Amino acid sequence: MLEQSLQFLTPEESVAVDGALLTMPEKFLTRLTLSTAKLLNYIAKDLSTPVESLTTEQIIQWFEADAKRKQQDGVDASVLKWDARNIDDL
C-alpha cells in the first residue's frame, strides 16, 4: 500500500482556481477534475497499472478496499478521509 496521505488540492492550486476567470460552477468542476486526476494517479500507482489502463472494475474495487480499511481500522487507515455521515455537507 502506498503512503496514506493524499492531498487533493494544494493551496497554490486552490489560489490558481480562485483566480481563474470562471463561474463558481466551473471552479467547482475544475477543483473536482484536478482532485480526480490526482486520485486516479494514486490508484494506478497503488495497483501498479498505468492510469490509462484502469478499468471501472479496478476503480470500484479500490474504493471498496479503502472503505473496508476505514470500517475495520478507522478513518485514519483509509486514503479517503471523508465521513459518510457528513456527505450532505458536500
Protein backbone atom coordinates (compact mmCIF):
# COMPACT_ATOMS: atom_id res chain seq x y z
CA MET A 1 0.00 0.00 0.00
CA LEU A 2 1.21 3.50 -0.76
CA GLU A 3 1.70 6.24 1.76
CA GLN A 4 -1.69 7.10 3.20
CA SER A 5 -1.56 10.89 2.80
CA LEU A 6 -3.06 12.27 -0.37
CA GLN A 7 -3.58 15.99 -0.74
CA PHE A 8 -6.25 16.56 -3.33
CA LEU A 9 -5.72 20.26 -3.96
CA THR A 10 -2.70 22.23 -2.81
CA PRO A 11 -3.15 25.77 -1.51
CA GLU A 12 -1.38 27.04 -4.64
CA GLU A 13 -3.75 25.13 -6.92
CA SER A 14 -6.73 26.44 -4.98
CA VAL A 15 -5.48 30.02 -5.38
CA ALA A 16 -4.99 29.44 -9.11
CA VAL A 17 -8.56 28.13 -9.47
CA ASP A 18 -9.91 31.03 -7.41
CA GLY A 19 -8.11 33.48 -9.68
CA ALA A 20 -9.36 31.89 -12.89
CA LEU A 21 -11.96 33.70 -14.95
CA LEU A 22 -14.58 31.03 -14.32
CA THR A 23 -18.05 30.89 -12.87
CA MET A 24 -18.50 29.25 -9.46
CA PRO A 25 -19.82 26.01 -11.02
CA GLU A 26 -16.83 25.96 -13.40
CA LYS A 27 -14.43 26.49 -10.48
CA PHE A 28 -16.08 23.61 -8.62
CA LEU A 29 -15.72 21.35 -11.66
CA THR A 30 -12.08 22.43 -12.09
CA ARG A 31 -11.31 21.56 -8.44
CA LEU A 32 -13.11 18.23 -8.84
CA THR A 33 -11.19 17.43 -12.04
CA LEU A 34 -7.80 18.28 -10.52
CA SER A 35 -8.58 16.18 -7.44
CA THR A 36 -9.86 13.29 -9.54
CA ALA A 37 -6.71 13.28 -11.67
CA LYS A 38 -4.57 13.02 -8.53
CA LEU A 39 -6.74 10.25 -7.08
CA LEU A 40 -6.68 8.25 -10.33
CA ASN A 41 -2.88 8.54 -10.44
CA TYR A 42 -2.73 7.37 -6.82
CA ILE A 43 -5.00 4.39 -7.54
CA ALA A 44 -2.97 3.47 -10.64
CA LYS A 45 0.27 3.56 -8.66
CA ASP A 46 -1.31 1.55 -5.84
CA LEU A 47 -2.46 -1.10 -8.34
CA SER A 48 0.80 -0.98 -10.32
CA THR A 49 -1.00 -0.23 -13.55
CA PRO A 50 -0.88 2.73 -15.95
CA VAL A 51 -3.64 5.23 -15.22
CA GLU A 52 -4.90 4.95 -18.80
CA SER A 53 -5.35 1.20 -18.29
CA LEU A 54 -7.52 1.46 -15.17
CA THR A 55 -10.89 -0.18 -15.59
CA THR A 56 -14.17 0.69 -13.96
CA GLU A 57 -13.99 -2.56 -12.02
CA GLN A 58 -10.50 -1.79 -10.69
CA ILE A 59 -11.56 1.66 -9.53
CA ILE A 60 -14.67 0.29 -7.81
CA GLN A 61 -12.63 -2.46 -6.14
CA TRP A 62 -10.09 0.09 -4.94
CA PHE A 63 -12.86 2.22 -3.40
CA GLU A 64 -14.33 -0.89 -1.77
CA ALA A 65 -10.94 -1.82 -0.30
CA ASP A 66 -10.44 1.71 1.02
CA ALA A 67 -13.93 1.67 2.57
CA LYS A 68 -13.17 -1.70 4.17
CA ARG A 69 -9.96 -0.30 5.70
CA LYS A 70 -11.98 2.60 7.07
CA GLN A 71 -14.62 0.28 8.58
CA GLN A 72 -12.11 -2.15 10.07
CA ASP A 73 -9.31 0.15 11.17
CA GLY A 74 -10.84 3.62 11.33
CA VAL A 75 -10.80 6.64 9.09
CA ASP A 76 -7.06 7.24 9.61
CA ALA A 77 -6.29 3.87 7.98
CA SER A 78 -8.04 4.85 4.75
CA VAL A 79 -6.82 7.04 1.93
CA LEU A 80 -10.13 8.89 1.58
CA LYS A 81 -10.76 10.62 4.89
CA TRP A 82 -14.35 11.72 4.47
CA ASP A 83 -17.08 10.71 6.87
CA ALA A 84 -20.19 9.41 5.08
CA ARG A 85 -22.35 10.80 7.87
CA ASN A 86 -21.42 14.29 6.65
CA ILE A 87 -21.87 13.64 2.93
CA ASP A 88 -24.84 16.03 2.79
CA ASP A 89 -22.44 18.85 3.70
CA LEU A 90 -20.54 18.45 0.42
